[in-house]
Protein backbone atom coordinates (compact mmCIF):
# COMPACT_ATOMS: atom_id res chain seq x y z
CA MET A 1 125.40 63.06 87.39
CA VAL A 2 126.92 65.60 84.97
CA LYS A 3 128.57 62.73 83.08
CA ASN A 4 125.19 61.05 82.57
CA ILE A 5 123.59 64.30 81.38
CA MET A 6 126.40 64.87 78.88
CA LYS A 7 126.22 61.24 77.74
CA ASP A 8 122.46 61.56 77.16
CA TYR A 9 122.98 64.88 75.38
CA ASN A 10 125.62 63.29 73.14
CA TYR A 11 123.09 60.60 72.19
CA PHE A 12 120.64 63.36 71.34
CA ILE A 13 123.23 65.07 69.12
CA ILE A 14 123.96 61.76 67.37
CA ALA A 15 120.22 61.22 66.87
CA ARG A 16 119.84 64.70 65.37
CA VAL A 17 122.81 64.16 63.03
CA LEU A 18 121.44 60.78 61.90
CA HIS A 19 118.00 62.35 61.44
CA VAL A 20 119.31 65.13 59.21
CA LEU A 21 121.59 62.80 57.23
CA GLY A 22 118.72 60.39 56.74
CA ILE A 23 116.48 63.16 55.45
CA VAL A 24 119.18 64.47 53.11
CA ILE A 25 119.70 61.01 51.58
CA TRP A 26 116.00 60.06 51.53
CA ILE A 27 114.42 63.28 50.25
CA GLY A 28 117.43 64.00 48.05
CA GLY A 29 116.80 60.63 46.43
CA VAL A 30 113.11 61.41 46.04
CA ALA A 31 114.06 64.73 44.42
CA PHE A 32 116.38 62.91 41.98
CA VAL A 33 113.73 60.34 41.11
CA THR A 34 111.05 63.02 40.70
CA THR A 35 113.00 65.65 38.78
CA ILE A 36 115.55 63.61 36.82
CA LEU A 37 114.83 59.88 36.65
CA ILE A 38 111.10 59.72 35.91
CA PRO A 39 111.15 62.60 33.37
CA SER A 40 114.10 60.94 31.60
CA LEU A 41 112.34 57.58 31.55
CA ARG A 42 109.18 59.16 30.19
CA LYS A 43 111.19 60.36 27.18
CA LEU A 44 112.32 56.84 26.27
CA ALA A 45 110.44 55.63 23.22
CA ASP A 46 110.71 51.94 24.08
CA ALA A 47 108.10 51.27 26.80
CA ASP A 48 109.63 47.88 27.69
CA LYS A 49 113.07 49.42 28.27
CA ARG A 50 111.45 52.23 30.26
CA LEU A 51 109.81 49.77 32.65
CA GLU A 52 112.87 47.54 32.88
CA LEU A 53 115.21 50.43 33.66
CA PHE A 54 112.77 51.92 36.18
CA GLU A 55 112.40 48.63 38.04
CA THR A 56 116.16 48.10 38.15
CA LEU A 57 116.93 51.57 39.47
CA GLU A 58 113.89 51.84 41.72
CA GLY A 59 114.72 48.50 43.37
CA ARG A 60 118.15 49.77 44.37
CA PHE A 61 116.77 53.06 45.66
CA ALA A 62 113.90 51.37 47.53
CA PHE A 63 116.41 49.40 49.62
CA GLN A 64 118.34 52.57 50.45
CA ALA A 65 115.10 54.46 51.18
CA LYS A 66 113.96 51.74 53.59
CA ILE A 67 117.16 52.03 55.59
CA VAL A 68 117.13 55.83 55.80
CA THR A 69 113.41 56.05 56.60
CA LEU A 70 113.99 53.64 59.48
CA ILE A 71 116.93 55.70 60.71
CA THR A 72 114.96 58.92 60.30
CA GLY A 73 111.92 57.54 62.11
CA LEU A 74 113.87 56.05 65.01
CA SER A 75 116.06 59.11 65.46
CA GLY A 76 113.02 61.40 65.29
CA LEU A 77 111.22 59.30 67.88
CA TYR A 78 114.28 59.41 70.15
CA MET A 79 114.51 63.21 69.85
CA ILE A 80 110.82 63.61 70.72
CA TYR A 81 111.33 61.30 73.70
CA TYR A 82 114.54 63.02 74.84
CA LEU A 83 113.06 66.52 74.60
CA ASP A 84 109.69 65.30 75.90
CA VAL A 85 107.81 67.32 73.30
CA TRP A 86 104.87 64.98 72.72
CA SER A 87 102.53 67.88 73.48
CA ARG A 88 103.64 69.59 70.26
CA TYR A 89 101.33 67.22 68.41
CA LEU A 90 98.44 68.97 70.15
CA ALA A 91 99.46 72.45 69.00
CA LEU A 92 98.76 73.74 65.49
CA SER A 93 101.81 76.01 65.72
CA PHE A 94 103.91 72.86 65.34
CA TRP A 95 102.21 71.98 62.06
CA TRP A 96 105.61 71.06 60.63
CA MET A 97 105.94 68.18 63.12
CA HIS A 98 102.56 66.89 62.02
CA LEU A 99 103.61 67.17 58.38
CA MET A 100 107.02 65.56 58.98
CA THR A 101 105.34 62.65 60.74
CA PHE A 102 102.72 62.35 58.00
CA VAL A 103 105.33 62.34 55.21
CA TRP A 104 107.42 59.78 57.08
CA PHE A 105 104.32 57.63 57.67
CA VAL A 106 103.25 57.72 54.01
CA PHE A 107 106.72 56.76 52.75
CA THR A 108 107.08 54.05 55.38
CA VAL A 109 103.71 52.48 54.58
CA VAL A 110 104.44 52.61 50.84
CA LEU A 111 107.98 51.20 51.17
CA PHE A 112 107.33 48.49 53.75
CA ILE A 113 103.70 47.49 53.16
CA PHE A 114 102.10 48.65 49.90
CA GLU A 115 105.09 48.21 47.58
CA PRO A 116 105.95 44.62 48.52
CA LEU A 117 102.34 43.47 48.91
CA PHE A 118 100.74 44.86 45.77
CA LEU A 119 102.05 48.20 44.49
CA HIS A 120 105.03 46.79 42.57
CA GLN A 121 102.88 44.25 40.71
CA TRP A 122 100.09 46.76 40.14
CA PHE A 123 102.42 49.35 38.64
CA HIS A 124 104.11 46.70 36.46
CA LYS A 125 100.73 45.66 35.03
CA GLN A 126 99.68 49.27 34.48
CA ALA A 127 102.95 50.07 32.72
CA LEU A 128 102.52 47.09 30.41
CA LYS A 129 98.96 48.19 29.56
CA ASN A 130 99.69 51.88 29.07
CA SER A 131 103.21 52.99 29.86
CA GLU A 132 102.60 56.69 29.22
CA ARG A 133 99.68 56.81 31.62
CA ALA A 134 101.39 54.70 34.32
CA PHE A 135 104.52 56.86 34.32
CA PHE A 136 102.45 60.06 34.28
CA PHE A 137 100.58 58.80 37.36
CA LEU A 138 103.84 57.77 39.05
CA HIS A 139 105.40 61.15 38.28
CA THR A 140 102.38 63.02 39.64
CA LEU A 141 102.46 61.10 42.92
CA HIS A 142 106.19 61.72 43.27
CA LYS A 143 105.67 65.45 42.66
CA ILE A 144 103.04 65.58 45.40
CA LEU A 145 105.21 63.68 47.88
CA LEU A 146 108.30 65.74 47.06
CA THR A 147 106.35 68.98 47.50
CA LEU A 148 104.99 67.86 50.87
CA SER A 149 108.49 66.75 51.90
CA LEU A 150 110.03 70.09 50.98
CA ILE A 151 107.31 72.00 52.82
CA ALA A 152 107.94 69.81 55.89
CA ILE A 153 111.69 70.46 55.70
CA PHE A 154 111.13 74.20 55.31
CA GLY A 155 108.72 74.21 58.24
CA ALA A 156 111.01 72.12 60.43
CA VAL A 157 114.10 74.21 59.82
CA ALA A 158 112.18 77.45 60.39
CA GLY A 159 110.12 75.97 63.23
CA VAL A 160 113.01 74.76 65.37
CA ARG A 161 114.34 78.32 65.19
CA GLY A 162 111.05 79.78 66.38
CA PHE A 163 109.78 81.06 63.06
């Protein structure tokens, strides 16, 4: 009996580690794209090179982001199941869980549904029409998502410690 409890607890610890690592890689990547990559691309004078470079780099990051959002989502789901804390979604004091789930959901829908179905083509067309405007829009959306992500991380770290 004690062996099974420890085994289950070890799975929980592994899930938590994978969850945190996934978030570090995922949101760290979003921070890089938002604060370094997009601003640097916006400074390029050649709009064609800007779009080409963005699509090359974004394609590589999108693959990585898909993997870590899956790991983050599955590990988060396992931790909720293991701790049996579904009721936290009914309490406003656990606002950070709502926000974490919302942020994860938005990124997952964008990465797995919107981007492959239409978003990639739409952005490409917009960037060809008016590169400055398209990259400004992209940068603004990234800033919003990064801000929400950082608030969720702040809330989660403080929240799991009772703050």
